Amino acid sequence: MPQATRTKKPDVKVVILGDMNVGKTSLLHRYTERKFKDTISTVGGAFFMKQWGPYNISIWDTAGREQFHGLGSMYCRGAAAVILTYDVTNWQSLAELENRFLSLTDTANADCIFAIVGNKADLTDTRIQGPDTDGEQVDERQPVVTCPTSPAILHKQVSREDAIALYSHVLRYKGLEEKACLPADKMCFETSAKTGYNVDSLFESLFDLVLPSILKKRSEGESSTVDLESPMEVKTNKAGCCS
């Protein structure tokens, strides 16, 4: 087959799940394009390829709308990591992760890694509203000080303790012992796609953690290329408003 019809095959798959409007697509744009921009609702799913050292990682963005819910398990098939995303200002978005999205991960790898991610943290804390705040530690014991030019602060409906509780439930759902798994304090993140806060830390922490899965696949001799003439199953159209 001519070289033009073949390309590198992803070494591993990372999938982002969550209700509509929690900012899944915005997180991906912030990480892959280094900027924030208004997005429109994902229809079906779309994937981004990321070069991580010598490895190729596909990051799958999925639709949060209920009419596309049935596609979620297909996108999760063979996933090495799943990012369960909610909006820190919307309690229901956290509840939906357990009620609607967790069961979709049944098709993921048995050793799949889960991260619980609360996006839109900039809406609840002025200390992370500025640009280039990725990875900075925010001391929640310090009072939030607002000024006339600061955007309005919204009520934070989901606490870190709530996210940790969901992480524990995910492990129980998967039949895993918490003591044998990655600790919750390392797998629960709060991010802001708008300012970049913690976005790099989220993705790069996961990439480091999925390296064993990549090495296992390579040791088993899986092909590192994919035939581009094969029918594509992924739909990448966009429609509607706000991811």
Protein backbone atom coordinates (compact mmCIF):
# COMPACT_ATOMS: atom_id res chain seq x y z
CA MET A 1 0.00 0.00 0.00
CA PRO A 2 1.37 3.46 -0.84
CA GLN A 3 2.72 5.40 2.13
CA ALA A 4 0.24 8.24 1.48
CA THR A 5 -2.67 6.03 2.58
CA ARG A 6 -1.14 5.12 5.94
CA THR A 7 -0.52 7.21 9.04
CA LYS A 8 0.55 6.75 12.61
CA LYS A 9 -1.94 4.90 14.78
CA PRO A 10 -2.67 6.25 18.28
CA ASP A 11 -0.79 4.38 20.96
CA VAL A 12 -3.51 5.03 23.50
CA LYS A 13 -6.94 6.67 23.82
CA VAL A 14 -8.14 9.25 26.36
CA VAL A 15 -11.86 10.09 26.43
CA ILE A 16 -13.61 13.13 27.91
CA LEU A 17 -17.16 12.55 29.17
CA GLY A 18 -19.63 14.96 30.73
CA ASP A 19 -22.90 16.81 30.33
CA MET A 20 -23.33 19.56 27.75
CA ASN A 21 -22.03 23.02 28.63
CA VAL A 22 -19.41 21.83 31.15
CA GLY A 23 -16.61 22.93 28.80
CA LYS A 24 -15.18 19.67 27.44
CA THR A 25 -14.35 21.08 24.02
CA SER A 26 -12.99 24.28 25.54
CA LEU A 27 -10.59 22.25 27.70
CA LEU A 28 -9.26 20.51 24.62
CA HIS A 29 -8.85 23.76 22.70
CA ARG A 30 -7.04 25.33 25.65
CA TYR A 31 -4.62 22.41 25.83
CA THR A 32 -4.07 21.76 22.11
CA GLU A 33 -4.26 25.34 20.76
CA ARG A 34 -3.10 27.23 23.87
CA LYS A 35 -6.09 29.56 23.78
CA PHE A 36 -9.71 29.87 24.84
CA LYS A 37 -12.47 30.41 22.33
CA ASP A 38 -16.21 30.08 22.24
CA THR A 39 -17.25 26.65 21.02
CA ILE A 40 -20.35 24.94 19.70
CA SER A 41 -21.85 21.70 20.91
CA THR A 42 -20.12 18.54 19.77
CA VAL A 43 -22.24 16.29 17.56
CA GLY A 44 -21.33 12.63 18.03
CA GLY A 45 -17.63 12.91 18.76
CA ALA A 46 -14.31 14.27 17.57
CA PHE A 47 -10.72 13.41 18.34
CA PHE A 48 -7.45 15.30 18.60
CA MET A 49 -4.05 13.71 18.16
CA LYS A 50 -1.33 14.69 20.63
CA GLN A 51 2.35 13.83 20.30
CA TRP A 52 3.66 12.99 23.78
CA GLY A 53 7.38 12.30 23.49
CA PRO A 54 7.66 9.34 21.10
CA TYR A 55 4.01 8.38 21.60
CA ASN A 56 0.75 9.30 19.86
CA ILE A 57 -2.25 9.91 22.12
CA SER A 58 -5.76 10.41 20.80
CA ILE A 59 -8.02 12.57 22.97
CA TRP A 60 -11.70 12.03 22.26
CA ASP A 61 -14.22 14.82 22.76
CA THR A 62 -17.77 13.46 23.15
CA ALA A 63 -21.24 14.96 22.95
CA GLY A 64 -23.00 15.76 26.22
CA ARG A 65 -26.47 16.01 24.74
CA GLU A 66 -28.76 13.15 25.68
CA GLN A 67 -29.67 12.34 22.05
CA PHE A 68 -26.05 11.31 21.45
CA HIS A 69 -25.75 9.37 24.70
CA GLY A 70 -25.77 5.96 23.03
CA LEU A 71 -22.55 6.75 21.16
CA GLY A 72 -20.59 7.21 24.37
CA SER A 73 -19.85 3.53 24.99
CA MET A 74 -18.49 3.21 21.44
CA TYR A 75 -16.09 6.11 21.98
CA CYS A 76 -14.99 4.66 25.34
CA ARG A 77 -14.13 1.28 23.86
CA GLY A 78 -10.50 0.52 24.62
CA ALA A 79 -9.89 3.78 26.48
CA ALA A 80 -6.86 3.88 28.77
CA ALA A 81 -8.12 6.97 30.63
CA VAL A 82 -11.47 8.71 31.04
CA ILE A 83 -11.90 12.33 32.14
CA LEU A 84 -15.27 12.75 33.88
CA THR A 85 -15.99 16.46 33.62
CA TYR A 86 -18.46 18.65 35.49
CA ASP A 87 -19.12 22.37 36.02
CA VAL A 88 -18.17 23.56 39.52
CA THR A 89 -21.13 25.97 39.47
CA ASN A 90 -23.66 23.27 38.55
CA TRP A 91 -24.36 20.42 41.00
CA GLN A 92 -26.52 18.58 38.45
CA SER A 93 -23.56 18.26 36.09
CA LEU A 94 -21.76 16.23 38.77
CA ALA A 95 -24.82 14.07 39.41
CA GLU A 96 -25.13 13.36 35.69
CA LEU A 97 -21.66 11.81 35.66
CA GLU A 98 -22.91 9.07 37.96
CA ASN A 99 -26.43 8.82 36.57
CA ARG A 100 -25.73 8.88 32.83
CA PHE A 101 -22.06 8.68 31.99
CA LEU A 102 -20.38 6.20 34.32
CA SER A 103 -22.04 3.17 32.71
CA LEU A 104 -20.60 4.22 29.32
CA THR A 105 -17.13 3.39 30.61
CA ASP A 106 -17.96 -0.34 30.76
CA THR A 107 -16.26 -0.69 27.36
CA ALA A 108 -13.04 0.99 28.51
CA ASN A 109 -9.92 -1.02 29.35
CA ALA A 110 -10.03 -3.02 32.56
CA ASP A 111 -7.10 -0.95 33.88
CA CYS A 112 -8.62 2.36 32.75
CA ILE A 113 -7.61 5.42 34.80
CA PHE A 114 -10.30 7.89 35.86
CA ALA A 115 -9.95 11.60 36.55
CA ILE A 116 -12.73 13.73 38.04
CA VAL A 117 -12.49 17.27 36.66
CA GLY A 118 -14.42 20.34 37.77
CA ASN A 119 -14.18 22.99 35.05
CA LYS A 120 -15.04 26.73 35.12
CA ALA A 121 -13.16 27.29 38.39
CA ASP A 122 -12.49 30.88 37.34
CA LEU A 123 -16.20 31.64 37.85
CA THR A 124 -15.95 30.96 41.58
CA ASP A 125 -12.53 32.34 42.52
CA THR A 126 -10.89 35.59 41.37
CA ARG A 127 -7.48 34.25 42.35
CA ILE A 128 -7.45 32.07 39.24
CA GLN A 129 -9.14 34.47 36.84
CA GLY A 130 -5.92 35.75 35.32
CA PRO A 131 -4.10 34.12 32.38
CA ASP A 132 -1.24 31.65 32.68
CA THR A 133 -2.36 30.19 36.01
CA ASP A 134 -1.81 26.56 35.10
CA GLY A 135 -0.62 24.46 38.00
CA GLU A 136 -0.67 27.26 40.54
CA GLN A 137 -1.80 26.31 44.02
CA VAL A 138 -4.75 28.27 45.38
CA ASP A 139 -4.97 28.47 49.16
CA GLU A 140 -8.70 28.05 49.87
CA ARG A 141 -8.16 29.30 53.43
CA GLN A 142 -7.44 32.78 52.14
CA PRO A 143 -10.44 35.07 51.55
CA VAL A 144 -11.50 35.91 48.02
CA VAL A 145 -11.03 39.65 47.43
CA THR A 146 -13.02 41.25 44.63
CA CYS A 147 -12.56 44.60 42.98
CA PRO A 148 -14.83 46.67 40.74
CA THR A 149 -13.19 45.33 37.58
CA SER A 150 -13.45 41.64 38.61
CA PRO A 151 -16.09 39.47 36.91
CA ALA A 152 -19.01 38.48 39.12
CA ILE A 153 -18.26 35.54 41.40
CA LEU A 154 -20.71 32.64 41.19
CA HIS A 155 -21.60 30.24 43.96
CA LYS A 156 -19.51 27.07 43.93
CA GLN A 157 -22.02 24.22 44.04
CA VAL A 158 -19.55 21.31 43.93
CA SER A 159 -16.79 21.03 46.53
CA ARG A 160 -13.58 19.06 46.25
CA GLU A 161 -15.02 16.64 48.82
CA ASP A 162 -17.96 16.00 46.47
CA ALA A 163 -15.54 15.19 43.65
CA ILE A 164 -13.55 12.84 45.88
CA ALA A 165 -16.76 11.07 46.88
CA LEU A 166 -17.59 10.53 43.21
CA TYR A 167 -14.11 9.16 42.56
CA SER A 168 -14.63 6.65 45.37
CA HIS A 169 -17.97 5.65 43.84
CA VAL A 170 -16.33 5.15 40.44
CA LEU A 171 -13.81 2.76 41.98
CA ARG A 172 -16.58 0.83 43.73
CA TYR A 173 -18.57 0.66 40.51
CA LYS A 174 -15.52 -0.81 38.80
CA GLY A 175 -15.00 -3.28 41.63
CA LEU A 176 -11.63 -1.81 42.53
CA GLU A 177 -10.03 -1.46 45.95
CA GLU A 178 -9.25 2.16 46.78
CA LYS A 179 -5.98 1.20 48.49
CA ALA A 180 -4.76 -0.43 45.27
CA CYS A 181 -5.70 2.52 43.03
CA LEU A 182 -4.38 6.00 42.46
CA PRO A 183 -5.35 8.27 45.38
CA ALA A 184 -8.27 10.65 44.97
CA ASP A 185 -6.20 13.74 45.76
CA LYS A 186 -4.13 13.06 42.63
CA MET A 187 -7.08 12.26 40.38
CA CYS A 188 -9.51 15.07 41.24
CA PHE A 189 -8.78 18.36 39.47
CA GLU A 190 -10.33 21.79 39.22
CA THR A 191 -9.61 23.61 35.97
CA SER A 192 -10.43 26.70 33.97
CA ALA A 193 -10.42 26.40 30.21
CA LYS A 194 -10.78 30.17 30.04
CA THR A 195 -7.60 31.04 31.97
CA GLY A 196 -5.68 27.80 31.50
CA TYR A 197 -5.65 27.05 35.22
CA ASN A 198 -4.57 23.42 35.82
CA VAL A 199 -5.30 22.37 32.22
CA ASP A 200 -1.75 21.34 31.35
CA SER A 201 -1.39 19.61 34.72
CA LEU A 202 -4.54 17.57 34.07
CA PHE A 203 -3.57 16.24 30.66
CA GLU A 204 0.11 15.77 31.33
CA SER A 205 -0.54 13.92 34.59
CA LEU A 206 -2.83 11.54 32.71
CA PHE A 207 -0.34 11.06 29.89
CA ASP A 208 2.32 10.04 32.38
CA LEU A 209 -0.09 7.60 34.01
CA VAL A 210 -1.10 5.86 30.77
CA LEU A 211 2.49 5.14 29.71
CA PRO A 212 2.31 1.56 31.08
CA SER A 213 -0.68 0.91 28.80
CA ILE A 214 1.28 2.21 25.81
CA LEU A 215 4.31 0.08 26.60
CA LYS A 216 2.09 -2.98 27.07
CA LYS A 217 0.48 -2.50 23.66
CA ARG A 218 3.84 -2.05 21.99
CA SER A 219 5.26 -5.14 23.67
CA GLU A 220 2.33 -7.12 22.31
CA GLY A 221 3.36 -6.06 18.82
CA GLU A 222 0.30 -4.07 17.77
CA SER A 223 0.61 -2.21 14.47
CA SER A 224 1.74 1.40 14.76
CA THR A 225 -0.03 2.47 11.57
CA VAL A 226 -3.65 2.66 10.48
CA ASP A 227 -5.12 2.27 7.00
CA LEU A 228 -6.71 5.57 5.97
CA GLU A 229 -8.71 3.84 3.24
CA SER A 230 -10.74 1.99 5.87
CA PRO A 231 -14.20 3.45 6.60
CA MET A 232 -14.18 6.03 9.38
CA GLU A 233 -16.66 5.61 12.24
CA VAL A 234 -16.11 8.98 13.84
CA LYS A 235 -18.40 11.94 13.24
CA THR A 236 -16.76 15.27 13.82
CA ASN A 237 -19.44 17.75 12.81
CA LYS A 238 -20.38 20.56 15.17
CA ALA A 239 -23.76 22.21 15.69
CA GLY A 240 -25.66 24.15 18.32
CA CYS A 241 -23.98 26.35 20.94
CA CYS A 242 -21.56 26.11 23.84
CA SER A 243 -19.78 22.79 24.51
